[in-house]
Amino acid sequence: MRALLAMSHYSMLFAWILFALLGVAQKAEGQASCDFIVPRREWNALASECTDRLSLPARYVVISHTAGSTCDSPTTCEQQVRNVQFYHMRTKGWCDVSYNFLIGEDGHVYEGRGWNIKGAHSGANWNSRSIGISFMGNYMERVPPRRALRAAQNLLACGVAQGALKSNYQLKGHRDVQQTLSPGDQLYQIIQTWPHYHE
C-alpha cells in the first residue's frame, strides 16, 4: 500500500513539474508573439489608406533611419511616430507612414504598416518583398542606444517566430538597396555584424 501511495505521490509530482514546464514554454511563446509592439491605436495613428498586402513570410528586411528627430520616452516617441506619419501622408501623399515598424530610443517598437501591408521604404524592387524597419533619428555620427538595438533584434526574432519572416531571412541596410546615406554610418556598421546581414 505504501509503495502505491509513494508511486501516486511521484506521479502527481511528475505531472506538476510537467505542467510547470508547459507554463514556462507558453510564457516564452507569449514573448515571441510580438506583444511588446506598441500598436497603432496606442500612438493614435491616422487611419491607413493602404491596401496592398505583403506575401509572407518575407525574405528580406531593410533597416533605415528617419534622419529626423530622436525620441527617448514613450511620450516623445509616440509624438515622433505621429510626426513621421503626418509628413508621409499629408505632405508626401502616401497611404500611410512608409515603414512597417519604427524603433524609438525609448526601446519600444512602434507599429507602422505592420507585417501584412506593403511598405514604401526602399523602392519598387524591394517594397513588395521586404519588411522595412526604421530607427527614429539620425545615425550618421552617433549610435542608437542599446535598448533600441535590442528592440529591433527582438522584433526580428518574433517575426520569425510568428511566421512573418523566413527563418533564413536576409537583413540589408537601406543603402544596400537604394542610393542613400540611410541608415547612417554608425547604425550601418552595427547591423553589418548581425547574423542575417547580407550586403
Protein backbone atom coordinates (compact mmCIF):
# COMPACT_ATOMS: atom_id res chain seq x y z
CA MET A 1 0.00 0.00 0.00
CA ARG A 2 2.81 2.38 0.94
CA ALA A 3 4.51 1.60 -2.36
CA LEU A 4 1.33 2.50 -4.24
CA LEU A 5 0.98 5.75 -2.29
CA ALA A 6 4.61 6.62 -2.99
CA MET A 7 4.12 5.90 -6.69
CA SER A 8 0.97 8.02 -6.68
CA HIS A 9 2.87 10.85 -4.96
CA TYR A 10 5.69 10.72 -7.53
CA SER A 11 3.19 10.58 -10.39
CA MET A 12 1.49 13.70 -9.09
CA LEU A 13 4.87 15.40 -8.59
CA PHE A 14 5.90 14.48 -12.14
CA ALA A 15 2.60 15.81 -13.51
CA TRP A 16 3.03 19.06 -11.56
CA ILE A 17 6.57 19.53 -12.93
CA LEU A 18 5.33 18.80 -16.45
CA PHE A 19 2.54 21.40 -16.16
CA ALA A 20 5.03 23.93 -14.74
CA LEU A 21 7.37 23.36 -17.66
CA LEU A 22 4.49 23.74 -20.12
CA GLY A 23 3.60 27.02 -18.44
CA VAL A 24 7.15 28.27 -18.90
CA ALA A 25 7.04 27.24 -22.57
CA GLN A 26 3.74 29.07 -23.05
CA LYS A 27 5.21 32.16 -21.41
CA ALA A 28 8.20 32.00 -23.74
CA GLU A 29 5.85 31.67 -26.70
CA GLY A 30 3.99 34.75 -25.46
CA GLN A 31 7.25 36.71 -25.54
CA ALA A 32 7.77 35.60 -29.14
CA SER A 33 4.28 36.78 -30.03
CA CYS A 34 5.37 40.41 -30.52
CA ASP A 35 3.12 41.61 -27.70
CA PHE A 36 5.77 44.23 -26.90
CA ILE A 37 5.00 46.19 -30.10
CA VAL A 38 3.15 49.46 -29.48
CA PRO A 39 0.04 49.12 -31.69
CA ARG A 40 -1.25 51.90 -33.90
CA ARG A 41 -4.21 52.65 -31.64
CA GLU A 42 -1.86 53.39 -28.73
CA TRP A 43 0.13 56.04 -30.60
CA ASN A 44 -3.09 57.46 -32.13
CA ALA A 45 -2.27 56.72 -35.76
CA LEU A 46 -4.29 58.23 -38.56
CA ALA A 47 -6.38 55.64 -40.39
CA SER A 48 -4.37 53.83 -43.04
CA GLU A 49 -5.46 54.07 -46.67
CA CYS A 50 -3.12 51.26 -47.80
CA THR A 51 -4.50 48.12 -49.42
CA ASP A 52 -1.50 46.30 -50.97
CA ARG A 53 -0.61 43.25 -48.90
CA LEU A 54 2.78 41.61 -48.46
CA SER A 55 3.31 37.96 -49.30
CA LEU A 56 4.55 36.38 -46.08
CA PRO A 57 6.87 35.11 -44.83
CA ALA A 58 9.11 37.88 -46.13
CA ARG A 59 12.60 37.00 -47.29
CA TYR A 60 14.18 40.42 -46.70
CA VAL A 61 14.36 43.10 -44.02
CA VAL A 62 15.60 46.62 -44.80
CA ILE A 63 16.92 48.75 -41.93
CA SER A 64 16.81 52.54 -42.30
CA HIS A 65 16.80 55.68 -40.19
CA THR A 66 14.33 58.53 -40.45
CA ALA A 67 17.20 61.08 -40.35
CA GLY A 68 14.87 63.27 -38.29
CA SER A 69 14.40 63.96 -34.61
CA THR A 70 15.16 61.38 -31.96
CA CYS A 71 12.90 60.46 -29.08
CA ASP A 72 13.74 58.81 -25.77
CA SER A 73 10.47 58.36 -23.91
CA PRO A 74 7.10 56.83 -24.79
CA THR A 75 5.50 60.28 -24.88
CA THR A 76 8.07 61.81 -27.23
CA CYS A 77 8.31 58.66 -29.37
CA GLU A 78 4.54 58.44 -29.85
CA GLN A 79 4.59 62.08 -30.94
CA GLN A 80 7.50 61.44 -33.29
CA VAL A 81 5.74 58.48 -34.94
CA ARG A 82 2.71 60.75 -35.46
CA ASN A 83 5.00 63.42 -36.96
CA VAL A 84 6.54 60.93 -39.40
CA GLN A 85 3.12 59.58 -40.37
CA PHE A 86 1.68 63.06 -40.87
CA TYR A 87 4.62 64.02 -43.09
CA HIS A 88 4.29 60.85 -45.18
CA MET A 89 0.52 61.09 -45.57
CA ARG A 90 -0.18 64.81 -45.69
CA THR A 91 3.00 66.11 -47.35
CA LYS A 92 4.09 63.16 -49.47
CA GLY A 93 0.56 61.95 -50.22
CA TRP A 94 1.28 58.33 -49.31
CA CYS A 95 -1.39 55.97 -47.96
CA ASP A 96 0.29 55.69 -44.52
CA VAL A 97 3.61 56.00 -42.72
CA SER A 98 6.03 54.31 -45.11
CA TYR A 99 7.67 51.84 -42.70
CA ASN A 100 6.34 48.56 -41.38
CA PHE A 101 7.83 49.32 -37.95
CA LEU A 102 9.68 52.17 -36.26
CA ILE A 103 12.17 51.92 -33.39
CA GLY A 104 12.39 54.58 -30.70
CA GLU A 105 15.34 55.37 -28.45
CA ASP A 106 12.97 54.56 -25.59
CA GLY A 107 13.47 50.89 -26.53
CA HIS A 108 9.98 50.38 -27.95
CA VAL A 109 8.85 49.15 -31.35
CA TYR A 110 6.04 51.17 -32.93
CA GLU A 111 3.73 49.52 -35.42
CA GLY A 112 3.68 51.30 -38.78
CA ARG A 113 2.09 49.32 -41.60
CA GLY A 114 2.73 46.12 -39.66
CA TRP A 115 3.67 42.70 -41.00
CA ASN A 116 0.94 42.32 -43.59
CA ILE A 117 0.92 45.58 -45.58
CA LYS A 118 3.47 46.51 -48.23
CA GLY A 119 5.66 49.43 -47.19
CA ALA A 120 7.01 52.38 -49.18
CA HIS A 121 10.52 52.47 -47.75
CA SER A 122 13.01 51.06 -50.26
CA GLY A 123 11.78 51.47 -53.84
CA ALA A 124 9.59 49.38 -56.09
CA ASN A 125 12.03 46.45 -56.30
CA TRP A 126 12.17 45.95 -52.54
CA ASN A 127 8.92 47.21 -51.01
CA SER A 128 6.94 44.20 -52.20
CA ARG A 129 9.31 41.62 -50.74
CA SER A 130 10.71 43.15 -47.57
CA ILE A 131 9.82 44.42 -44.13
CA GLY A 132 11.01 48.00 -43.56
CA ILE A 133 12.23 48.86 -40.07
CA SER A 134 13.32 52.45 -39.40
CA PHE A 135 15.13 53.83 -36.36
CA MET A 136 13.79 57.25 -35.43
CA GLY A 137 16.74 59.62 -35.50
CA ASN A 138 19.90 60.35 -37.46
CA TYR A 139 22.69 57.81 -37.01
CA MET A 140 25.44 59.22 -39.20
CA GLU A 141 27.50 60.40 -36.22
CA ARG A 142 26.03 58.51 -33.28
CA VAL A 143 24.81 55.02 -32.48
CA PRO A 144 21.33 54.18 -31.21
CA PRO A 145 21.19 53.20 -27.53
CA ARG A 146 21.41 49.51 -26.71
CA ARG A 147 17.75 49.29 -25.78
CA ALA A 148 16.77 50.47 -29.28
CA LEU A 149 19.08 47.92 -30.92
CA ARG A 150 17.71 45.20 -28.63
CA ALA A 151 14.13 46.19 -29.56
CA ALA A 152 14.93 45.76 -33.26
CA GLN A 153 16.55 42.37 -32.65
CA ASN A 154 13.56 41.22 -30.59
CA LEU A 155 11.27 42.31 -33.42
CA LEU A 156 13.24 40.23 -35.92
CA ALA A 157 13.15 37.20 -33.62
CA CYS A 158 9.42 37.38 -33.07
CA GLY A 159 8.83 37.99 -36.79
CA VAL A 160 10.45 34.62 -37.42
CA ALA A 161 8.52 33.01 -34.55
CA GLN A 162 5.22 34.32 -35.95
CA GLY A 163 5.99 33.20 -39.47
CA ALA A 164 6.11 36.76 -40.83
CA LEU A 165 9.83 36.40 -41.67
CA LYS A 166 11.58 33.39 -43.17
CA SER A 167 13.96 31.72 -40.74
CA ASN A 168 16.77 32.38 -43.23
CA TYR A 169 15.74 36.00 -43.94
CA GLN A 170 18.37 38.43 -45.19
CA LEU A 171 18.96 41.74 -43.45
CA LYS A 172 20.06 44.74 -45.52
CA GLY A 173 20.87 48.36 -44.86
CA HIS A 174 18.81 50.93 -46.74
CA ARG A 175 21.96 52.00 -48.64
CA ASP A 176 22.39 48.41 -49.87
CA VAL A 177 19.21 48.67 -51.92
CA GLN A 178 18.98 52.40 -52.78
CA GLN A 179 21.31 55.37 -53.21
CA THR A 180 21.03 56.93 -49.77
CA LEU A 181 23.04 57.63 -46.61
CA SER A 182 20.42 55.74 -44.58
CA PRO A 183 20.62 54.04 -42.12
CA GLY A 184 23.53 56.31 -41.21
CA ASP A 185 27.20 55.34 -40.98
CA GLN A 186 27.13 54.34 -37.31
CA LEU A 187 23.97 52.22 -37.44
CA TYR A 188 25.09 50.65 -40.71
CA GLN A 189 28.32 49.44 -39.11
CA ILE A 190 26.32 47.83 -36.31
CA ILE A 191 23.80 45.95 -38.45
CA GLN A 192 26.64 44.56 -40.57
CA THR A 193 27.61 42.50 -37.50
CA TRP A 194 24.12 40.98 -37.10
CA PRO A 195 23.78 37.30 -38.09
CA HIS A 196 21.39 37.68 -41.05
CA TYR A 197 23.13 40.66 -42.66
CA HIS A 198 23.84 40.36 -46.39
CA GLU A 199 25.09 43.31 -48.44
